Amino acid sequence: MLRQTLQHRSAKPLLWLLCLMPFAWLVWGAANDALGANPAEYLIRATGDWTLRLLCITLVVTPLRVMSGLPELAKFRRMFGLFTYFYVVLHLLCYSWLDMGFEWVDIAVDIAKRPFILVGFGAFVLLTPLALTSFNRAIRWLGAKRWQWLHRLVYVVAVLAVLHFFWMRAGKSNFAEVFVYASVLFGLLAWRVVHSSLWRHLFSSGGFTR
């Protein structure tokens, strides 16, 4: 039953719409003044949260595919990965526009002087080539082995993203959600280690969007 559902031609469009729902809600909330007393902060935080959630969903596809014996899950990984990038671009855009007013010199100074923003920006920079090379033509151009090595950077991105989230929450000593994301990431890393072949193929069962 589940396999048939995943194979159905409507499965991917429905998941695509689900991934867009947070964006639709944020647009609606901004247009209708429904984002609380500080809409700018809400938008920055919400887009960051959805980036981290979709990154975790992207990373969990391969372990779930292997453990469930459902190869059909693989076709959704690219979509989740690209939506991760979509939300991180929105996150950076909201920060640059709503918090910094597109003052590029001030943005550069702010990134350099605040470690949690520097770490988050570093994650965005590393995520960009993964999104740009997520298509089949890029795999053929780079070669499968080089493409796989490049896309293993997704785990560096995940560590930086969790660290960014940790430092952001440290000011309010609110670490409950940080612990959840860190636990998910640790579990995924542990799974990759256990399923590697003598550590030589660590993290080799797929890239950011595959």
Protein backbone atom coordinates (compact mmCIF):
# COMPACT_ATOMS: atom_id res chain seq x y z
CA MET A 1 0.00 0.00 0.00
CA LEU A 2 2.74 2.46 0.99
CA ARG A 3 4.81 1.53 -2.05
CA GLN A 4 1.85 2.13 -4.33
CA THR A 5 1.24 5.51 -2.69
CA LEU A 6 4.86 6.55 -3.20
CA GLN A 7 4.75 5.39 -6.81
CA HIS A 8 1.56 7.30 -7.58
CA ARG A 9 2.11 10.20 -9.95
CA SER A 10 0.44 12.61 -7.50
CA ALA A 11 2.84 11.80 -4.62
CA LYS A 12 5.56 14.21 -5.67
CA PRO A 13 3.24 17.16 -6.48
CA LEU A 14 1.50 16.70 -3.12
CA LEU A 15 4.81 16.73 -1.24
CA TRP A 16 5.87 19.76 -3.28
CA LEU A 17 2.74 21.58 -2.13
CA LEU A 18 3.34 20.52 1.48
CA CYS A 19 6.86 21.94 1.32
CA LEU A 20 5.43 25.23 0.04
CA MET A 21 2.79 25.50 2.77
CA PRO A 22 5.08 27.16 5.36
CA PHE A 23 6.03 29.79 2.76
CA ALA A 24 2.37 30.35 1.89
CA TRP A 25 1.50 30.76 5.58
CA LEU A 26 4.32 33.29 6.09
CA VAL A 27 3.22 35.32 3.06
CA TRP A 28 -0.39 35.24 4.27
CA GLY A 29 0.64 36.14 7.81
CA ALA A 30 2.77 39.06 6.65
CA ALA A 31 -0.03 40.36 4.41
CA ASN A 32 -2.62 40.07 7.17
CA ASP A 33 -0.51 41.29 10.11
CA ALA A 34 -0.75 37.88 11.80
CA LEU A 35 2.90 37.34 12.72
CA GLY A 36 2.88 38.85 16.19
CA ALA A 37 4.39 42.01 17.64
CA ASN A 38 7.66 41.65 15.73
CA PRO A 39 6.92 40.30 12.22
CA ALA A 40 10.51 40.77 11.03
CA GLU A 41 11.91 38.59 13.81
CA TYR A 42 9.15 36.03 13.26
CA LEU A 43 9.97 35.74 9.55
CA ILE A 44 13.70 35.41 10.18
CA ARG A 45 13.21 32.75 12.84
CA ALA A 46 10.51 30.84 10.92
CA THR A 47 12.49 30.61 7.68
CA GLY A 48 15.52 29.44 9.66
CA ASP A 49 13.46 26.81 11.47
CA TRP A 50 12.05 25.46 8.22
CA THR A 51 15.51 25.34 6.69
CA LEU A 52 16.71 23.14 9.53
CA ARG A 53 13.60 20.92 9.44
CA LEU A 54 13.86 20.31 5.71
CA LEU A 55 17.59 19.67 5.99
CA CYS A 56 16.86 16.92 8.54
CA ILE A 57 14.12 15.49 6.29
CA THR A 58 16.54 15.49 3.35
CA LEU A 59 19.19 13.65 5.34
CA VAL A 60 16.78 11.06 6.73
CA VAL A 61 15.57 9.93 3.28
CA THR A 62 18.48 7.56 2.60
CA PRO A 63 18.45 5.78 6.00
CA LEU A 64 14.67 5.48 5.79
CA ARG A 65 14.91 4.11 2.25
CA VAL A 66 17.45 1.49 3.27
CA MET A 67 15.71 0.43 6.49
CA SER A 68 12.24 0.29 4.97
CA GLY A 69 13.26 -1.35 1.72
CA LEU A 70 11.43 1.35 -0.23
CA PRO A 71 13.68 2.59 -3.06
CA GLU A 72 10.81 4.83 -4.18
CA LEU A 73 11.75 7.26 -1.40
CA ALA A 74 14.94 8.22 -3.24
CA LYS A 75 13.08 10.27 -5.83
CA PHE A 76 11.98 12.75 -3.15
CA ARG A 77 15.42 13.57 -1.78
CA ARG A 78 16.32 16.07 -4.49
CA MET A 79 13.07 17.94 -3.97
CA PHE A 80 13.58 18.14 -0.20
CA GLY A 81 17.15 19.30 -0.71
CA LEU A 82 16.15 22.07 -3.08
CA PHE A 83 13.40 23.22 -0.73
CA THR A 84 16.03 23.34 2.02
CA TYR A 85 17.99 25.74 -0.14
CA PHE A 86 14.83 27.71 -0.97
CA TYR A 87 14.15 28.34 2.71
CA VAL A 88 17.75 29.20 3.56
CA VAL A 89 17.71 31.79 0.76
CA LEU A 90 14.50 33.21 2.27
CA HIS A 91 16.17 33.18 5.70
CA LEU A 92 19.14 35.16 4.42
CA LEU A 93 16.87 37.49 2.45
CA CYS A 94 14.72 38.23 5.51
CA TYR A 95 17.83 38.97 7.59
CA SER A 96 19.39 41.17 4.89
CA TRP A 97 16.18 43.08 4.18
CA LEU A 98 14.12 43.20 7.37
CA ASP A 99 16.95 43.30 9.90
CA MET A 100 19.69 45.12 7.96
CA GLY A 101 17.79 47.08 5.30
CA PHE A 102 20.06 45.79 2.52
CA GLU A 103 22.95 47.84 3.90
CA TRP A 104 25.67 45.60 2.46
CA VAL A 105 28.59 47.11 4.37
CA ASP A 106 26.71 46.75 7.65
CA ILE A 107 25.75 43.19 6.72
CA ALA A 108 29.40 42.28 6.05
CA VAL A 109 30.48 43.81 9.37
CA ASP A 110 27.64 42.04 11.22
CA ILE A 111 28.56 38.66 9.71
CA ALA A 112 32.21 39.14 10.63
CA LYS A 113 31.64 40.23 14.23
CA ARG A 114 28.87 37.83 15.31
CA PRO A 115 29.99 34.17 15.34
CA PHE A 116 26.51 32.66 15.08
CA ILE A 117 25.78 34.69 11.93
CA LEU A 118 29.20 33.84 10.48
CA VAL A 119 28.55 30.13 11.04
CA GLY A 120 25.08 30.38 9.49
CA PHE A 121 26.45 32.26 6.49
CA GLY A 122 29.14 29.60 6.12
CA ALA A 123 26.45 26.92 5.99
CA PHE A 124 24.66 28.90 3.26
CA VAL A 125 27.86 29.24 1.23
CA LEU A 126 28.56 25.49 1.44
CA LEU A 127 24.96 24.63 0.60
CA THR A 128 24.98 26.74 -2.57
CA PRO A 129 27.20 24.47 -4.73
CA LEU A 130 25.19 21.45 -3.58
CA ALA A 131 21.98 23.05 -4.82
CA LEU A 132 23.62 24.17 -8.07
CA THR A 133 24.93 20.65 -8.77
CA SER A 134 21.78 18.77 -7.79
CA PHE A 135 20.82 17.98 -11.39
CA ASN A 136 21.74 14.99 -13.55
CA ARG A 137 23.73 17.15 -15.96
CA ALA A 138 25.98 18.28 -13.10
CA ILE A 139 26.59 14.65 -12.08
CA ARG A 140 27.68 13.82 -15.63
CA TRP A 141 29.86 16.92 -15.79
CA LEU A 142 31.59 16.36 -12.44
CA GLY A 143 31.69 12.59 -12.57
CA ALA A 144 29.92 10.42 -10.01
CA LYS A 145 32.86 10.15 -7.60
CA ARG A 146 33.65 13.86 -7.45
CA TRP A 147 29.95 14.65 -7.21
CA GLN A 148 29.59 12.32 -4.22
CA TRP A 149 32.58 13.88 -2.47
CA LEU A 150 31.13 17.35 -3.01
CA HIS A 151 27.74 16.36 -1.66
CA ARG A 152 29.19 14.90 1.51
CA LEU A 153 29.56 18.55 2.52
CA VAL A 154 25.90 18.36 3.47
CA TYR A 155 26.96 16.93 6.83
CA VAL A 156 29.31 19.87 7.42
CA VAL A 157 26.38 22.12 6.54
CA ALA A 158 24.16 20.28 9.03
CA VAL A 159 26.72 20.66 11.85
CA LEU A 160 27.11 24.38 11.09
CA ALA A 161 23.34 24.83 10.96
CA VAL A 162 22.86 23.21 14.37
CA LEU A 163 25.74 25.29 15.79
CA HIS A 164 24.14 28.44 14.35
CA PHE A 165 20.86 27.48 15.99
CA PHE A 166 22.60 26.69 19.30
CA TRP A 167 24.37 30.07 19.46
CA MET A 168 21.17 31.86 18.49
CA ARG A 169 19.26 30.17 21.32
CA ALA A 170 22.11 30.54 23.83
CA GLY A 171 21.13 34.15 24.52
CA LYS A 172 17.82 32.97 25.95
CA SER A 173 19.16 29.70 27.42
CA ASN A 174 16.54 27.79 25.44
CA PHE A 175 18.14 24.58 24.23
CA ALA A 176 15.22 22.14 24.00
CA GLU A 177 14.84 22.37 20.21
CA VAL A 178 18.61 22.50 19.75
CA PHE A 179 18.86 19.16 21.56
CA VAL A 180 16.25 17.63 19.24
CA TYR A 181 18.06 18.72 16.07
CA ALA A 182 21.46 17.75 17.46
CA SER A 183 20.11 14.31 18.39
CA VAL A 184 18.68 13.79 14.92
CA LEU A 185 21.96 14.79 13.32
CA PHE A 186 23.98 12.58 15.67
CA GLY A 187 21.69 9.64 14.89
CA LEU A 188 22.07 10.16 11.14
CA LEU A 189 25.86 10.42 11.41
CA ALA A 190 25.97 7.28 13.56
CA TRP A 191 23.84 5.43 11.00
CA ARG A 192 26.23 6.42 8.20
CA VAL A 193 29.23 5.20 10.21
CA VAL A 194 27.59 1.87 11.02
CA HIS A 195 26.65 1.33 7.37
CA SER A 196 30.01 2.35 5.95
CA SER A 197 32.39 -0.29 4.62
CA LEU A 198 35.48 -0.28 6.85
CA TRP A 199 35.08 3.51 7.12
CA ARG A 200 36.29 3.90 3.51
CA HIS A 201 32.89 4.85 2.19
CA LEU A 202 31.78 7.05 5.06
CA PHE A 203 28.69 9.02 4.09
CA SER A 204 28.74 7.51 0.59
CA SER A 205 25.10 6.48 0.14
CA GLY A 206 23.94 9.58 -1.66
CA GLY A 207 24.45 13.29 -1.86
CA PHE A 208 22.50 16.35 -0.83
CA THR A 209 19.78 15.78 -3.38
CA ARG A 210 20.10 12.14 -4.27
